[in-house]
């Protein structure tokens, strides 16, 4: 009996490092970084359907052109969009040119020939963001849902892990 107890104790002691590592990975997964799969074409050409990305939940200060994930509680489905307008700014699109506070934006991430319908002008309230998909003709975004309150933005996406030939940070 003593031999069995020694074996069990020894096994538990040897497994402790693995158990602690497993618990740490689970906590990091829940709190900090979450893998996601892109569903749809609204962020094409930047992200394509079935791309695997990593959501950084620790990022909560969002900048212009950053790709973010919007929680499904906001629209009934999780959304991946690009931040275009920041709190306190005035955003407008006229004749296919998006402008912030009257200054046209350079949106190099869009496919040539992408059309953005006219909207605005709209003053973005504190704590809210204006988001658009890169595939403007096929994106449900702030033009449909309105500005996004910060509490609904889960975090930023700046890493694609699949497909392997496109693995790396987002441009």
C-alpha atoms as a PDB file:
ATOM      1  CA  UNK A   1       0.000   0.000   0.000  1.00  0.00           C
ATOM      2  CA  UNK A   2       2.830   2.390   0.863  1.00  0.00           C
ATOM      3  CA  UNK A   3       4.366   1.697  -2.548  1.00  0.00           C
ATOM      4  CA  UNK A   4       1.134   2.740  -4.282  1.00  0.00           C
ATOM      5  CA  UNK A   5       0.867   5.952  -2.226  1.00  0.00           C
ATOM      6  CA  UNK A   6       4.483   6.815  -3.030  1.00  0.00           C
ATOM      7  CA  UNK A   7       3.816   6.204  -6.726  1.00  0.00           C
ATOM      8  CA  UNK A   8       0.723   8.432  -6.699  1.00  0.00           C
ATOM      9  CA  UNK A   9       2.502  11.186  -4.768  1.00  0.00           C
ATOM     10  CA  UNK A  10       5.495  11.034  -7.101  1.00  0.00           C
ATOM     11  CA  UNK A  11       3.269  11.135 -10.189  1.00  0.00           C
ATOM     12  CA  UNK A  12       1.365  14.156  -8.877  1.00  0.00           C
ATOM     13  CA  UNK A  13       4.615  15.942  -8.041  1.00  0.00           C
ATOM     14  CA  UNK A  14       6.003  15.268 -11.545  1.00  0.00           C
ATOM     15  CA  UNK A  15       2.756  16.414 -13.182  1.00  0.00           C
ATOM     16  CA  UNK A  16       2.475  19.680 -11.229  1.00  0.00           C
ATOM     17  CA  UNK A  17       4.509  21.681 -13.749  1.00  0.00           C
ATOM     18  CA  UNK A  18       2.313  20.482 -16.618  1.00  0.00           C
ATOM     19  CA  UNK A  19      -0.884  21.204 -14.680  1.00  0.00           C
ATOM     20  CA  UNK A  20       0.283  24.739 -13.842  1.00  0.00           C
ATOM     21  CA  UNK A  21       1.248  25.318 -17.495  1.00  0.00           C
ATOM     22  CA  UNK A  22      -2.151  24.078 -18.658  1.00  0.00           C
ATOM     23  CA  UNK A  23      -3.973  26.363 -16.214  1.00  0.00           C
ATOM     24  CA  UNK A  24      -1.833  29.333 -17.346  1.00  0.00           C
ATOM     25  CA  UNK A  25      -2.634  28.630 -21.007  1.00  0.00           C
ATOM     26  CA  UNK A  26      -6.359  28.448 -20.260  1.00  0.00           C
ATOM     27  CA  UNK A  27      -6.262  31.748 -18.339  1.00  0.00           C
ATOM     28  CA  UNK A  28      -4.299  33.476 -21.119  1.00  0.00           C
ATOM     29  CA  UNK A  29      -6.764  32.134 -23.699  1.00  0.00           C
ATOM     30  CA  UNK A  30      -9.763  33.415 -21.760  1.00  0.00           C
ATOM     31  CA  UNK A  31      -8.342  36.763 -20.611  1.00  0.00           C
ATOM     32  CA  UNK A  32      -5.797  37.880 -23.197  1.00  0.00           C
ATOM     33  CA  UNK A  33      -5.731  36.190 -26.621  1.00  0.00           C
ATOM     34  CA  UNK A  34      -8.440  34.298 -28.492  1.00  0.00           C
ATOM     35  CA  UNK A  35      -8.150  32.551 -31.856  1.00  0.00           C
ATOM     36  CA  UNK A  36     -10.984  33.343 -34.267  1.00  0.00           C
ATOM     37  CA  UNK A  37     -11.986  32.302 -37.771  1.00  0.00           C
ATOM     38  CA  UNK A  38     -13.106  34.998 -40.227  1.00  0.00           C
ATOM     39  CA  UNK A  39     -16.625  34.323 -41.479  1.00  0.00           C
ATOM     40  CA  UNK A  40     -17.437  36.300 -44.598  1.00  0.00           C
ATOM     41  CA  UNK A  41     -15.899  38.731 -47.066  1.00  0.00           C
ATOM     42  CA  UNK A  42     -16.582  42.118 -45.455  1.00  0.00           C
ATOM     43  CA  UNK A  43     -12.878  42.669 -44.611  1.00  0.00           C
ATOM     44  CA  UNK A  44     -11.499  41.540 -47.970  1.00  0.00           C
ATOM     45  CA  UNK A  45      -8.791  42.100 -49.203  1.00  0.00           C
ATOM     46  CA  UNK A  46      -7.209  42.412 -45.728  1.00  0.00           C
ATOM     47  CA  UNK A  47      -8.901  39.320 -44.305  1.00  0.00           C
ATOM     48  CA  UNK A  48     -10.561  36.562 -46.286  1.00  0.00           C
ATOM     49  CA  UNK A  49     -13.237  34.045 -45.392  1.00  0.00           C
ATOM     50  CA  UNK A  50     -11.778  31.245 -43.191  1.00  0.00           C
ATOM     51  CA  UNK A  51      -8.597  33.161 -42.261  1.00  0.00           C
ATOM     52  CA  UNK A  52      -7.475  32.352 -38.699  1.00  0.00           C
ATOM     53  CA  UNK A  53      -6.680  35.414 -36.613  1.00  0.00           C
ATOM     54  CA  UNK A  54      -5.763  36.211 -32.998  1.00  0.00           C
ATOM     55  CA  UNK A  55      -7.915  38.623 -31.002  1.00  0.00           C
ATOM     56  CA  UNK A  56      -5.902  40.686 -28.512  1.00  0.00           C
ATOM     57  CA  UNK A  57      -8.329  41.338 -25.656  1.00  0.00           C
ATOM     58  CA  UNK A  58      -5.762  43.376 -23.723  1.00  0.00           C
ATOM     59  CA  UNK A  59      -5.852  46.224 -26.272  1.00  0.00           C
ATOM     60  CA  UNK A  60      -8.516  48.743 -25.286  1.00  0.00           C
ATOM     61  CA  UNK A  61      -7.189  51.961 -26.823  1.00  0.00           C
ATOM     62  CA  UNK A  62      -8.199  51.818 -30.442  1.00  0.00           C
ATOM     63  CA  UNK A  63      -6.546  53.831 -33.185  1.00  0.00           C
ATOM     64  CA  UNK A  64      -7.586  54.776 -36.683  1.00  0.00           C
ATOM     65  CA  UNK A  65      -7.254  51.918 -39.200  1.00  0.00           C
ATOM     66  CA  UNK A  66      -6.903  49.288 -36.461  1.00  0.00           C
ATOM     67  CA  UNK A  67      -8.893  46.087 -37.118  1.00  0.00           C
ATOM     68  CA  UNK A  68     -11.205  45.265 -34.206  1.00  0.00           C
ATOM     69  CA  UNK A  69     -13.726  42.631 -33.166  1.00  0.00           C
ATOM     70  CA  UNK A  70     -17.160  43.822 -32.084  1.00  0.00           C
ATOM     71  CA  UNK A  71     -18.999  41.612 -29.600  1.00  0.00           C
ATOM     72  CA  UNK A  72     -22.042  39.729 -30.850  1.00  0.00           C
ATOM     73  CA  UNK A  73     -24.235  41.419 -28.193  1.00  0.00           C
ATOM     74  CA  UNK A  74     -24.040  44.560 -30.336  1.00  0.00           C
ATOM     75  CA  UNK A  75     -25.508  43.229 -33.596  1.00  0.00           C
ATOM     76  CA  UNK A  76     -26.454  39.606 -32.977  1.00  0.00           C
ATOM     77  CA  UNK A  77     -23.259  38.370 -34.617  1.00  0.00           C
ATOM     78  CA  UNK A  78     -19.575  39.020 -34.028  1.00  0.00           C
ATOM     79  CA  UNK A  79     -18.169  41.584 -36.437  1.00  0.00           C
ATOM     80  CA  UNK A  80     -14.609  42.253 -37.618  1.00  0.00           C
ATOM     81  CA  UNK A  81     -14.175  45.823 -38.881  1.00  0.00           C
ATOM     82  CA  UNK A  82     -11.653  48.614 -39.227  1.00  0.00           C
ATOM     83  CA  UNK A  83     -11.767  51.705 -36.996  1.00  0.00           C
ATOM     84  CA  UNK A  84     -12.137  54.765 -39.218  1.00  0.00           C
ATOM     85  CA  UNK A  85     -13.581  57.473 -36.973  1.00  0.00           C
ATOM     86  CA  UNK A  86     -12.503  58.219 -33.408  1.00  0.00           C
ATOM     87  CA  UNK A  87     -14.400  59.873 -30.528  1.00  0.00           C
ATOM     88  CA  UNK A  88     -14.880  63.615 -31.003  1.00  0.00           C
ATOM     89  CA  UNK A  89     -14.250  63.565 -34.765  1.00  0.00           C
ATOM     90  CA  UNK A  90     -16.599  64.464 -37.583  1.00  0.00           C
ATOM     91  CA  UNK A  91     -16.752  61.800 -40.288  1.00  0.00           C
ATOM     92  CA  UNK A  92     -18.219  62.081 -43.742  1.00  0.00           C
ATOM     93  CA  UNK A  93     -18.101  60.391 -47.120  1.00  0.00           C
ATOM     94  CA  UNK A  94     -18.874  62.415 -50.214  1.00  0.00           C
ATOM     95  CA  UNK A  95     -18.162  61.354 -53.797  1.00  0.00           C
ATOM     96  CA  UNK A  96     -16.368  58.180 -52.600  1.00  0.00           C
ATOM     97  CA  UNK A  97     -13.941  60.111 -50.356  1.00  0.00           C
ATOM     98  CA  UNK A  98     -14.046  59.470 -46.615  1.00  0.00           C
ATOM     99  CA  UNK A  99     -12.925  62.483 -44.612  1.00  0.00           C
ATOM    100  CA  UNK A 100     -12.283  63.174 -40.953  1.00  0.00           C
ATOM    101  CA  UNK A 101     -12.789  66.764 -39.766  1.00  0.00           C
ATOM    102  CA  UNK A 102     -12.785  67.840 -43.419  1.00  0.00           C
ATOM    103  CA  UNK A 103      -9.472  66.103 -44.279  1.00  0.00           C
ATOM    104  CA  UNK A 104      -9.614  63.223 -46.799  1.00  0.00           C
ATOM    105  CA  UNK A 105      -8.303  59.868 -45.593  1.00  0.00           C
ATOM    106  CA  UNK A 106      -5.779  57.798 -47.502  1.00  0.00           C
ATOM    107  CA  UNK A 107      -7.138  54.248 -47.357  1.00  0.00           C
ATOM    108  CA  UNK A 108      -4.371  52.208 -48.977  1.00  0.00           C
ATOM    109  CA  UNK A 109      -5.815  48.938 -47.655  1.00  0.00           C
ATOM    110  CA  UNK A 110      -8.830  49.136 -50.013  1.00  0.00           C
ATOM    111  CA  UNK A 111      -8.941  47.424 -53.391  1.00  0.00           C
ATOM    112  CA  UNK A 112      -8.731  49.879 -56.254  1.00  0.00           C
ATOM    113  CA  UNK A 113     -12.228  50.754 -57.404  1.00  0.00           C
ATOM    114  CA  UNK A 114     -13.853  50.185 -53.997  1.00  0.00           C
ATOM    115  CA  UNK A 115     -16.964  52.344 -53.728  1.00  0.00           C
ATOM    116  CA  UNK A 116     -18.093  53.912 -50.449  1.00  0.00           C
ATOM    117  CA  UNK A 117     -21.566  55.409 -50.537  1.00  0.00           C
ATOM    118  CA  UNK A 118     -22.102  58.920 -49.221  1.00  0.00           C
ATOM    119  CA  UNK A 119     -22.848  59.346 -45.522  1.00  0.00           C
ATOM    120  CA  UNK A 120     -22.615  62.021 -42.846  1.00  0.00           C
ATOM    121  CA  UNK A 121     -21.434  64.378 -41.717  1.00  0.00           C
ATOM    122  CA  UNK A 122     -21.640  62.769 -38.298  1.00  0.00           C
ATOM    123  CA  UNK A 123     -19.999  63.877 -35.057  1.00  0.00           C
ATOM    124  CA  UNK A 124     -18.783  60.825 -33.138  1.00  0.00           C
ATOM    125  CA  UNK A 125     -19.583  61.068 -29.421  1.00  0.00           C
ATOM    126  CA  UNK A 126     -17.034  60.347 -26.691  1.00  0.00           C
ATOM    127  CA  UNK A 127     -16.686  56.607 -26.084  1.00  0.00           C
ATOM    128  CA  UNK A 128     -17.855  55.681 -29.594  1.00  0.00           C
ATOM    129  CA  UNK A 129     -16.124  54.646 -32.834  1.00  0.00           C
ATOM    130  CA  UNK A 130     -17.078  54.600 -36.505  1.00  0.00           C
ATOM    131  CA  UNK A 131     -16.087  51.323 -38.165  1.00  0.00           C
ATOM    132  CA  UNK A 132     -16.161  50.167 -41.774  1.00  0.00           C
ATOM    133  CA  UNK A 133     -15.382  46.918 -43.546  1.00  0.00           C
ATOM    134  CA  UNK A 134     -12.643  46.999 -46.188  1.00  0.00           C
ATOM    135  CA  UNK A 135     -15.047  45.445 -48.710  1.00  0.00           C
ATOM    136  CA  UNK A 136     -17.442  48.384 -48.521  1.00  0.00           C
ATOM    137  CA  UNK A 137     -20.001  47.032 -50.988  1.00  0.00           C
ATOM    138  CA  UNK A 138     -20.407  43.855 -48.888  1.00  0.00           C
ATOM    139  CA  UNK A 139     -20.084  45.051 -45.299  1.00  0.00           C
ATOM    140  CA  UNK A 140     -22.587  45.687 -42.530  1.00  0.00           C
ATOM    141  CA  UNK A 141     -20.834  48.289 -40.410  1.00  0.00           C
ATOM    142  CA  UNK A 142     -21.408  51.725 -38.882  1.00  0.00           C
ATOM    143  CA  UNK A 143     -23.312  52.764 -41.983  1.00  0.00           C
ATOM    144  CA  UNK A 144     -25.930  50.173 -40.962  1.00  0.00           C
ATOM    145  CA  UNK A 145     -25.556  49.892 -37.176  1.00  0.00           C
ATOM    146  CA  UNK A 146     -24.377  53.393 -36.300  1.00  0.00           C
ATOM    147  CA  UNK A 147     -21.384  54.216 -34.149  1.00  0.00           C
ATOM    148  CA  UNK A 148     -20.024  51.454 -31.898  1.00  0.00           C
ATOM    149  CA  UNK A 149     -19.771  52.026 -28.170  1.00  0.00           C
ATOM    150  CA  UNK A 150     -16.313  51.124 -26.835  1.00  0.00           C
ATOM    151  CA  UNK A 151     -17.744  48.545 -24.413  1.00  0.00           C
ATOM    152  CA  UNK A 152     -18.771  46.407 -27.398  1.00  0.00           C
ATOM    153  CA  UNK A 153     -15.264  46.307 -28.892  1.00  0.00           C
ATOM    154  CA  UNK A 154     -13.642  43.111 -27.608  1.00  0.00           C
ATOM    155  CA  UNK A 155     -10.135  43.970 -28.751  1.00  0.00           C
ATOM    156  CA  UNK A 156      -7.880  44.358 -31.760  1.00  0.00           C
ATOM    157  CA  UNK A 157      -6.665  41.962 -34.420  1.00  0.00           C
ATOM    158  CA  UNK A 158      -3.129  42.404 -35.673  1.00  0.00           C
ATOM    159  CA  UNK A 159      -2.069  38.810 -36.297  1.00  0.00           C
ATOM    160  CA  UNK A 160      -3.175  36.289 -38.912  1.00  0.00           C
ATOM    161  CA  UNK A 161      -2.009  32.703 -38.269  1.00  0.00           C
ATOM    162  CA  UNK A 162      -3.609  30.947 -41.254  1.00  0.00           C
ATOM    163  CA  UNK A 163      -3.291  30.568 -44.195  1.00  0.00           C
ATOM    164  CA  UNK A 164       0.389  29.974 -43.541  1.00  0.00           C
ATOM    165  CA  UNK A 165       1.524  31.845 -46.660  1.00  0.00           C
ATOM    166  CA  UNK A 166      -0.157  34.990 -45.278  1.00  0.00           C
ATOM    167  CA  UNK A 167       0.826  34.464 -41.624  1.00  0.00           C
ATOM    168  CA  UNK A 168       1.971  37.637 -39.898  1.00  0.00           C
ATOM    169  CA  UNK A 169       0.810  41.041 -38.784  1.00  0.00           C
ATOM    170  CA  UNK A 170      -1.994  42.842 -40.578  1.00  0.00           C
ATOM    171  CA  UNK A 171      -1.100  45.844 -42.708  1.00  0.00           C
END
